[in-house]
Amino acid sequence: MANLLQEYANVAGEDVVDHLRQLAAPLEGMKVVHVNSTRVGGGVAEILAKLVPLKQELGIDVTWEVIAGEADFYATTKAFHNGLQGNRVDIAKDRLRDFESTNERNAEELRSTLEAADMVFVHDPQPAPLLGLVPERRGKWIWRCHIDVSRPHRPVWRYLRNFVAGYDASIFSLAAFAQNLPHVQYLIPPSIDPLSDKNAPLPDAALRAIYEEFGIDPDRELMLQVSRFDRFKDPVGVIEAYRLAKKFSPGLQLVLAGGAATDDPEGAAVLEETKSAAGDDPDVHILLLPPDAHRTINALQRVADIVLQKSTREGFGLTVAEAMWKGKPVIGGDTGGIRLQIVNDHTGFLVSTPEGAALRIRYLLHHRDRLAEMGEEARSYVRENFLLTRHLREYLTVMVALANRAEDRIEL
């Protein structure tokens, strides 16, 4: 990892990396801990997998800790996730007690690490209670929420707010997600890693191989959605849009590719619902991929003619920026962080229904010049706004600000 920053300079520019070094200089040697609930699966784990070593190369003493729980704990936190995104959920008191006791056990295991930290980033609801379980802490604690909490189910938010109100700061992905909390709040959209196996350029042979591996016809049009099998990602709605679009493009094929996160117990049920909706259509390919299938996802995004992310609620949706980085305009749900990435009619299209998605699919397939132009705009937009270097710059800025809260002027 010693030359990791130089690799990013080759993609994002030397001036960008110089700025990172300047921001990191006053933070050198600072002990920083990131805590979340899974090391594989989902956008948070993907971001931390590179954000942490980049901070280390900048001279910051960073560690990444993962809390552990039983099946009931993850079922409860999935209910939190659904409730925060607006679903009405009822969570039994014994489940809440288990949630709290699981955090108590994890706090005991992590106590010495958390007490010694100068700054702790706690990601999402799963480890949120840790703050109150480490009374001898000395550093600043930040709650990082990656979820669309713009219209939460109020009982769920009231319960979780009790745990997060005491943090020194919180970070949300969008202004619309921010909530009434008694501390400073920062806005940091997520990002993609342009050097990862999921986003780096691939040889032509790897692209050709993907057709044979999954039985896809290279001579026919292909639409793709990559996401966890989650109802908020609306895979069944994608199948409906495909069937409507297929009336005008009879050769159209669909790939729904996704995996499972270790902290999402509903994935298997949604996968079965998706298979049922697809029926015996030989042109619908449903792929359950392992967590490390990054090159496969990369290749699928590069060979697809049309990429969708038809979420009904979405904190951000890294797969949107991933596809745009590969020069693909994306048809995405008109919700949450997708609105931040898709400039309607420029880098893709925002839609609310399967019918709307099908209309845009038909348009792009029949206007190839426009599809290519929008793809170029999409890649440029990601380079300017959603690469990991921008994400890291904003994290460092928050850290410098919190480390110098009492000062009116900060010299870098």
Protein backbone atom coordinates (compact mmCIF):
# COMPACT_ATOMS: atom_id res chain seq x y z
CA MET A 1 0.00 0.00 0.00
CA ALA A 2 3.04 2.28 0.21
CA ASN A 3 2.42 3.85 -3.20
CA LEU A 4 -1.36 3.92 -2.99
CA LEU A 5 -1.59 7.71 -2.95
CA GLN A 6 0.48 7.97 -6.12
CA GLU A 7 -1.86 5.54 -7.84
CA TYR A 8 -4.77 7.84 -7.00
CA ALA A 9 -2.77 10.85 -8.21
CA ASN A 10 -2.54 9.14 -11.60
CA VAL A 11 -6.35 9.02 -11.79
CA ALA A 12 -7.53 12.13 -9.90
CA GLY A 13 -4.52 14.43 -10.35
CA GLU A 14 -1.40 15.34 -8.39
CA ASP A 15 -3.03 18.50 -7.03
CA VAL A 16 -5.81 16.43 -5.45
CA VAL A 17 -3.34 14.21 -3.57
CA ASP A 18 -1.22 17.21 -2.54
CA HIS A 19 -4.33 18.69 -0.97
CA LEU A 20 -4.91 15.44 0.96
CA ARG A 21 -1.38 15.55 2.35
CA GLN A 22 -1.83 19.16 3.41
CA LEU A 23 -5.06 18.37 5.26
CA ALA A 24 -3.59 15.28 6.91
CA ALA A 25 -0.39 16.92 8.16
CA PRO A 26 -1.87 18.29 11.43
CA LEU A 27 -3.54 14.90 12.05
CA GLU A 28 -0.36 12.83 11.84
CA GLY A 29 -0.21 10.18 14.57
CA MET A 30 -3.84 10.69 15.61
CA LYS A 31 -5.52 7.45 16.77
CA VAL A 32 -8.72 6.97 14.76
CA VAL A 33 -11.18 4.06 14.91
CA HIS A 34 -13.96 3.19 12.46
CA VAL A 35 -16.68 0.83 13.72
CA ASN A 36 -19.38 -0.87 11.66
CA SER A 37 -21.24 -4.20 11.57
CA THR A 38 -19.73 -6.05 8.60
CA ARG A 39 -16.40 -6.33 6.83
CA VAL A 40 -17.90 -7.69 3.59
CA GLY A 41 -21.04 -6.84 1.64
CA GLY A 42 -22.57 -3.40 1.21
CA GLY A 43 -21.20 0.04 0.38
CA VAL A 44 -19.91 0.91 3.86
CA ALA A 45 -17.51 -2.03 3.95
CA GLU A 46 -16.34 -1.28 0.40
CA ILE A 47 -15.58 2.34 1.28
CA LEU A 48 -13.76 1.52 4.52
CA ALA A 49 -11.66 -1.14 2.81
CA LYS A 50 -9.77 1.63 0.97
CA LEU A 51 -10.45 4.70 3.13
CA VAL A 52 -8.65 3.13 6.09
CA PRO A 53 -5.36 2.28 4.30
CA LEU A 54 -5.34 5.69 2.61
CA LYS A 55 -5.56 7.40 6.00
CA GLN A 56 -2.78 5.13 7.25
CA GLU A 57 -0.53 6.12 4.34
CA LEU A 58 -1.18 9.75 5.24
CA GLY A 59 0.32 9.10 8.69
CA ILE A 60 -2.89 8.68 10.69
CA ASP A 61 -3.07 5.70 13.11
CA VAL A 62 -6.35 4.16 11.89
CA THR A 63 -8.02 0.86 12.79
CA TRP A 64 -11.29 -0.69 11.58
CA GLU A 65 -13.35 -2.65 14.10
CA VAL A 66 -16.45 -4.75 13.36
CA ILE A 67 -19.08 -5.58 15.98
CA ALA A 68 -20.55 -9.08 16.08
CA GLY A 69 -24.02 -10.34 16.93
CA GLU A 70 -26.38 -13.29 16.60
CA ALA A 71 -29.18 -13.69 14.04
CA ASP A 72 -31.74 -11.87 16.21
CA PHE A 73 -29.46 -8.84 16.46
CA TYR A 74 -29.22 -8.51 12.68
CA ALA A 75 -32.97 -9.05 12.29
CA THR A 76 -33.52 -6.15 14.68
CA THR A 77 -31.03 -3.85 12.97
CA LYS A 78 -32.58 -4.69 9.59
CA ALA A 79 -35.92 -3.61 11.08
CA PHE A 80 -34.23 -0.37 12.17
CA HIS A 81 -32.98 0.12 8.61
CA ASN A 82 -36.46 -0.43 7.17
CA GLY A 83 -38.02 1.87 9.75
CA LEU A 84 -35.49 4.63 9.18
CA GLN A 85 -36.31 4.47 5.46
CA GLY A 86 -40.00 4.97 6.19
CA ASN A 87 -41.54 1.54 6.70
CA ARG A 88 -43.85 1.04 9.66
CA VAL A 89 -42.18 -1.57 11.84
CA ASP A 90 -42.93 -2.86 15.33
CA ILE A 91 -39.92 -4.13 17.26
CA ALA A 92 -40.58 -6.16 20.39
CA LYS A 93 -39.03 -5.04 23.67
CA ASP A 94 -37.06 -8.27 24.04
CA ARG A 95 -35.47 -7.59 20.63
CA LEU A 96 -34.48 -4.11 21.78
CA ARG A 97 -32.96 -5.56 24.95
CA ASP A 98 -30.97 -8.01 22.84
CA PHE A 99 -29.80 -5.14 20.61
CA GLU A 100 -28.55 -3.24 23.63
CA SER A 101 -26.93 -6.24 25.32
CA THR A 102 -25.13 -7.17 22.09
CA ASN A 103 -23.64 -3.68 22.00
CA GLU A 104 -22.68 -4.03 25.68
CA ARG A 105 -20.72 -7.21 24.89
CA ASN A 106 -18.99 -5.55 21.96
CA ALA A 107 -18.18 -2.49 24.05
CA GLU A 108 -16.38 -4.68 26.57
CA GLU A 109 -14.27 -6.26 23.84
CA LEU A 110 -13.43 -2.94 22.20
CA ARG A 111 -13.18 -0.83 25.35
CA SER A 112 -9.40 -0.28 25.44
CA THR A 113 -9.29 0.58 21.73
CA LEU A 114 -12.20 3.01 21.94
CA GLU A 115 -11.00 4.68 25.15
CA ALA A 116 -7.58 5.38 23.65
CA ALA A 117 -8.90 6.82 20.37
CA ASP A 118 -8.63 10.49 19.51
CA MET A 119 -11.55 10.14 17.10
CA VAL A 120 -14.16 7.38 16.61
CA PHE A 121 -16.44 7.05 13.59
CA VAL A 122 -19.47 4.84 14.32
CA HIS A 123 -21.30 3.79 11.17
CA ASP A 124 -25.09 3.39 11.04
CA PRO A 125 -27.52 2.14 13.72
CA GLN A 126 -25.97 -1.23 14.56
CA PRO A 127 -23.13 0.05 16.82
CA ALA A 128 -24.78 3.39 17.74
CA PRO A 129 -25.12 2.58 21.50
CA LEU A 130 -21.34 2.20 21.89
CA LEU A 131 -20.95 5.87 22.81
CA GLY A 132 -22.86 5.49 26.07
CA LEU A 133 -21.03 2.27 26.89
CA VAL A 134 -17.54 3.80 26.91
CA PRO A 135 -17.75 6.41 29.69
CA GLU A 136 -13.96 6.84 29.96
CA ARG A 137 -13.57 7.88 26.33
CA ARG A 138 -11.29 10.84 25.65
CA GLY A 139 -11.71 11.49 21.94
CA LYS A 140 -14.34 12.95 19.66
CA TRP A 141 -17.10 10.59 18.51
CA ILE A 142 -18.92 10.95 15.19
CA TRP A 143 -22.02 9.03 14.10
CA ARG A 144 -21.93 8.38 10.36
CA CYS A 145 -25.40 7.61 8.93
CA HIS A 146 -25.39 6.10 5.42
CA ILE A 147 -29.19 5.58 5.34
CA ASP A 148 -31.97 7.70 3.82
CA VAL A 149 -33.61 8.96 7.02
CA SER A 150 -35.49 11.81 5.38
CA ARG A 151 -38.89 10.42 6.45
CA PRO A 152 -38.26 7.84 9.17
CA HIS A 153 -40.89 5.90 11.07
CA ARG A 154 -40.92 8.16 14.11
CA PRO A 155 -40.89 5.51 16.92
CA VAL A 156 -37.76 3.94 15.42
CA TRP A 157 -36.00 7.30 15.06
CA ARG A 158 -36.96 8.38 18.60
CA TYR A 159 -35.46 5.18 20.00
CA LEU A 160 -32.20 5.51 18.04
CA ARG A 161 -31.95 9.25 18.64
CA ASN A 162 -31.42 8.51 22.34
CA PHE A 163 -28.15 6.80 21.39
CA VAL A 164 -26.86 9.27 18.79
CA ALA A 165 -27.81 12.62 20.34
CA GLY A 166 -24.75 12.52 22.62
CA TYR A 167 -22.21 12.25 19.81
CA ASP A 168 -19.90 15.19 19.13
CA ALA A 169 -21.02 15.31 15.49
CA SER A 170 -22.91 13.36 12.86
CA ILE A 171 -22.42 12.89 9.13
CA PHE A 172 -25.21 12.38 6.60
CA SER A 173 -25.00 11.82 2.85
CA LEU A 174 -27.53 14.52 1.91
CA ALA A 175 -29.06 17.60 3.49
CA ALA A 176 -32.49 15.99 3.14
CA PHE A 177 -31.38 13.14 5.42
CA ALA A 178 -30.23 15.34 8.31
CA GLN A 179 -32.27 15.21 11.51
CA ASN A 180 -32.76 17.46 14.51
CA LEU A 181 -29.77 16.65 16.71
CA PRO A 182 -28.02 18.74 19.38
CA HIS A 183 -24.62 18.75 17.71
CA VAL A 184 -22.88 19.86 14.55
CA GLN A 185 -23.79 17.94 11.38
CA TYR A 186 -21.72 17.46 8.22
CA LEU A 187 -22.74 16.37 4.72
CA ILE A 188 -20.45 13.88 2.96
CA PRO A 189 -21.77 11.87 0.01
CA PRO A 190 -20.20 8.42 -0.44
CA SER A 191 -17.79 7.60 -3.27
CA ILE A 192 -16.35 4.88 -5.46
CA ASP A 193 -12.80 3.61 -5.63
CA PRO A 194 -11.51 3.97 -9.22
CA LEU A 195 -8.59 1.59 -8.55
CA SER A 196 -10.62 -1.30 -7.13
CA ASP A 197 -11.31 -4.52 -8.99
CA LYS A 198 -14.87 -3.30 -9.38
CA ASN A 199 -13.90 -0.12 -11.23
CA ALA A 200 -10.46 -0.50 -12.83
CA PRO A 201 -10.22 -1.07 -16.61
CA LEU A 202 -10.54 -4.68 -17.77
CA PRO A 203 -9.04 -6.44 -20.80
CA ASP A 204 -11.33 -7.34 -23.68
CA ALA A 205 -10.89 -11.03 -22.89
CA ALA A 206 -12.46 -10.55 -19.47
CA LEU A 207 -15.46 -8.86 -21.05
CA ARG A 208 -15.89 -11.61 -23.64
CA ALA A 209 -15.67 -14.28 -20.94
CA ILE A 210 -18.60 -12.84 -19.02
CA TYR A 211 -21.01 -13.70 -21.83
CA GLU A 212 -20.04 -17.36 -21.82
CA GLU A 213 -19.93 -17.65 -18.03
CA PHE A 214 -23.55 -16.60 -17.58
CA GLY A 215 -25.09 -17.62 -20.89
CA ILE A 216 -25.63 -14.07 -22.16
CA ASP A 217 -25.95 -13.49 -25.90
CA PRO A 218 -23.35 -10.85 -26.91
CA ASP A 219 -25.32 -10.01 -30.05
CA ARG A 220 -28.44 -8.90 -28.19
CA GLU A 221 -29.16 -5.88 -25.99
CA LEU A 222 -28.51 -6.24 -22.27
CA MET A 223 -29.93 -4.36 -19.30
CA LEU A 224 -28.46 -4.76 -15.82
CA GLN A 225 -29.12 -3.95 -12.19
CA VAL A 226 -26.48 -4.66 -9.56
CA SER A 227 -27.65 -4.55 -5.95
CA ARG A 228 -28.31 -6.58 -2.85
CA PHE A 229 -31.60 -8.49 -3.00
CA ASP A 230 -33.51 -5.96 -0.93
CA ARG A 231 -37.10 -4.80 -1.41
CA PHE A 232 -35.98 -1.17 -1.40
CA LYS A 233 -33.88 -1.98 -4.51
CA ASP A 234 -37.12 -3.11 -6.23
CA PRO A 235 -35.82 -6.06 -8.27
CA VAL A 236 -39.39 -7.12 -9.05
CA GLY A 237 -40.06 -3.63 -10.45
CA VAL A 238 -36.97 -4.01 -12.66
CA ILE A 239 -38.41 -7.22 -14.08
CA GLU A 240 -41.68 -5.38 -14.82
CA ALA A 241 -39.77 -2.62 -16.62
CA TYR A 242 -37.82 -5.22 -18.63
CA ARG A 243 -41.02 -6.92 -19.79
CA LEU A 244 -42.54 -3.61 -20.89
CA ALA A 245 -39.38 -2.60 -22.76
CA LYS A 246 -39.08 -6.02 -24.38
CA LYS A 247 -42.27 -5.33 -26.35
CA PHE A 248 -40.27 -2.78 -28.36
CA SER A 249 -36.89 -4.56 -28.19
CA PRO A 250 -37.69 -8.29 -28.47
CA GLY A 251 -34.06 -9.34 -28.12
CA LEU A 252 -33.59 -7.60 -24.77
CA GLN A 253 -31.92 -9.54 -21.95
CA LEU A 254 -31.89 -8.74 -18.22
CA VAL A 255 -29.28 -9.49 -15.57
CA LEU A 256 -30.06 -8.95 -11.88
CA ALA A 257 -26.76 -9.41 -10.08
CA GLY A 258 -26.31 -9.16 -6.36
CA GLY A 259 -25.02 -10.70 -3.21
CA ALA A 260 -25.82 -10.90 0.47
CA ALA A 261 -24.50 -8.76 3.30
CA THR A 262 -23.76 -10.53 6.58
CA ASP A 263 -25.95 -8.03 8.44
CA ASP A 264 -29.01 -8.40 6.15
CA PRO A 265 -31.20 -11.42 7.06
CA GLU A 266 -33.97 -10.62 4.54
CA GLY A 267 -31.86 -11.19 1.42
CA ALA A 268 -32.82 -14.85 0.89
CA ALA A 269 -36.55 -14.10 0.98
CA VAL A 270 -36.21 -11.24 -1.52
CA LEU A 271 -34.11 -13.43 -3.81
CA GLU A 272 -36.91 -16.01 -3.89
CA GLU A 273 -39.49 -13.31 -4.63
CA THR A 274 -37.31 -12.13 -7.51
CA LYS A 275 -36.96 -15.65 -8.94
CA SER A 276 -40.71 -16.12 -8.72
CA ALA A 277 -41.32 -12.86 -10.60
CA ALA A 278 -38.87 -13.91 -13.32
CA GLY A 279 -40.56 -17.27 -13.80
CA ASP A 280 -39.05 -19.40 -16.54
CA ASP A 281 -37.99 -16.52 -18.81
CA PRO A 282 -34.64 -17.66 -20.30
CA ASP A 283 -33.61 -14.04 -20.92
CA VAL A 284 -33.73 -13.11 -17.22
CA HIS A 285 -30.48 -14.04 -15.47
CA ILE A 286 -30.55 -13.80 -11.67
CA LEU A 287 -27.03 -14.04 -10.26
CA LEU A 288 -26.26 -14.51 -6.57
CA LEU A 289 -22.62 -13.48 -6.46
CA PRO A 290 -20.06 -13.91 -3.64
CA PRO A 291 -18.82 -10.81 -1.82
CA ASP A 292 -15.51 -10.83 -3.71
CA ALA A 293 -17.04 -10.96 -7.23
CA HIS A 294 -15.80 -7.44 -7.96
CA ARG A 295 -14.29 -8.15 -11.38
CA THR A 296 -17.49 -9.94 -12.41
CA ILE A 297 -19.60 -6.92 -11.47
CA ASN A 298 -17.12 -4.65 -13.25
CA ALA A 299 -17.37 -6.72 -16.43
CA LEU A 300 -21.17 -6.88 -16.30
CA GLN A 301 -21.42 -3.10 -15.97
CA ARG A 302 -19.06 -2.62 -18.91
CA VAL A 303 -20.89 -4.99 -21.29
CA ALA A 304 -24.40 -3.78 -20.39
CA ASP A 305 -26.23 -1.48 -22.79
CA ILE A 306 -28.54 -0.12 -20.09
CA VAL A 307 -27.87 0.06 -16.34
CA LEU A 308 -30.64 0.53 -13.78
CA GLN A 309 -30.80 1.26 -10.06
CA LYS A 310 -34.56 1.41 -9.61
CA SER A 311 -34.55 1.81 -5.84
CA THR A 312 -37.63 3.09 -4.05
CA ARG A 313 -35.49 4.38 -1.15
CA GLU A 314 -31.73 4.77 -1.26
CA GLY A 315 -29.11 6.28 1.01
CA PHE A 316 -26.78 6.74 -1.94
CA GLY A 317 -26.41 3.71 -4.21
CA LEU A 318 -22.74 3.22 -5.10
CA THR A 319 -23.67 1.10 -8.12
CA VAL A 320 -24.97 4.26 -9.83
CA ALA A 321 -21.60 6.01 -9.71
CA GLU A 322 -19.82 2.74 -10.55
CA ALA A 323 -21.77 2.37 -13.80
CA MET A 324 -21.42 6.07 -14.64
CA TRP A 325 -17.64 5.79 -14.18
CA LYS A 326 -17.73 3.15 -16.92
CA GLY A 327 -19.47 5.55 -19.29
CA LYS A 328 -23.02 4.31 -18.76
CA PRO A 329 -26.01 6.60 -18.28
CA VAL A 330 -28.09 5.14 -15.45
CA ILE A 331 -31.86 4.91 -15.11
CA GLY A 332 -32.40 5.30 -11.37
CA GLY A 333 -35.17 5.65 -8.85
CA ASP A 334 -36.11 9.27 -8.14
CA THR A 335 -35.11 9.02 -4.50
CA GLY A 336 -32.42 9.72 -1.93
CA GLY A 337 -28.80 9.78 -2.97
CA ILE A 338 -29.57 8.68 -6.52
CA ARG A 339 -30.83 12.23 -7.15
CA LEU A 340 -27.38 13.50 -6.20
CA GLN A 341 -25.70 11.38 -8.86
CA ILE A 342 -28.09 11.45 -11.79
CA VAL A 343 -28.55 14.82 -13.45
CA ASN A 344 -31.80 14.07 -15.22
CA ASP A 345 -31.44 13.93 -19.01
CA HIS A 346 -27.68 14.55 -18.74
CA THR A 347 -26.01 11.70 -16.83
CA GLY A 348 -29.08 9.44 -16.86
CA PHE A 349 -32.78 9.47 -16.05
CA LEU A 350 -34.77 9.57 -12.82
CA VAL A 351 -37.92 7.45 -12.76
CA SER A 352 -40.61 6.51 -10.27
CA THR A 353 -42.40 3.57 -11.91
CA PRO A 354 -41.64 0.49 -14.02
CA GLU A 355 -43.50 2.21 -16.87
CA GLY A 356 -41.25 5.26 -16.61
CA ALA A 357 -38.15 3.05 -16.57
CA ALA A 358 -39.34 1.14 -19.63
CA LEU A 359 -39.93 4.39 -21.52
CA ARG A 360 -36.35 5.53 -20.84
CA ILE A 361 -34.93 2.11 -21.74
CA ARG A 362 -36.73 2.27 -25.07
CA TYR A 363 -35.46 5.81 -25.71
CA LEU A 364 -31.80 4.98 -25.03
CA LEU A 365 -31.84 1.76 -27.06
CA HIS A 366 -33.24 3.63 -30.04
CA HIS A 367 -30.98 6.70 -29.71
CA ARG A 368 -27.47 5.27 -29.51
CA ASP A 369 -25.71 8.57 -30.15
CA ARG A 370 -27.51 10.14 -27.21
CA LEU A 371 -26.71 7.10 -25.05
CA ALA A 372 -22.99 7.54 -25.80
CA GLU A 373 -23.09 11.31 -25.12
CA MET A 374 -24.82 10.82 -21.78
CA GLY A 375 -22.29 8.13 -20.89
CA GLU A 376 -19.42 10.56 -21.43
CA GLU A 377 -21.16 13.18 -19.28
CA ALA A 378 -21.74 10.57 -16.58
CA ARG A 379 -18.06 9.59 -16.39
CA SER A 380 -16.94 13.22 -16.17
CA TYR A 381 -19.49 13.91 -13.43
CA VAL A 382 -18.17 11.02 -11.33
CA ARG A 383 -14.55 12.12 -11.81
CA GLU A 384 -15.43 15.57 -10.46
CA ASN A 385 -17.72 14.55 -7.61
CA PHE A 386 -17.69 10.91 -6.52
CA LEU A 387 -14.17 9.50 -6.43
CA LEU A 388 -12.69 8.25 -3.16
CA THR A 389 -10.16 11.10 -3.06
CA ARG A 390 -12.99 13.64 -2.69
CA HIS A 391 -14.55 11.50 0.05
CA LEU A 392 -11.26 11.29 1.93
CA ARG A 393 -10.70 15.05 1.60
CA GLU A 394 -14.04 15.73 3.27
CA TYR A 395 -13.40 13.23 6.08
CA LEU A 396 -10.04 14.89 6.75
CA THR A 397 -11.71 18.30 6.76
CA VAL A 398 -14.20 17.10 9.40
CA MET A 399 -11.38 15.67 11.48
CA VAL A 400 -9.38 18.92 11.33
CA ALA A 401 -12.49 20.91 12.26
CA LEU A 402 -13.35 18.70 15.25
CA ALA A 403 -9.76 18.61 16.44
CA ASN A 404 -9.70 22.45 16.43
CA ARG A 405 -13.27 23.18 17.50
CA ALA A 406 -12.31 26.02 19.84
CA GLU A 407 -10.11 27.87 17.32
CA ASP A 408 -11.39 30.61 15.03
CA ARG A 409 -8.55 30.10 12.54
CA ILE A 410 -6.91 26.81 11.51
CA GLU A 411 -3.46 26.91 9.89
CA LEU A 412 -2.63 24.04 7.53
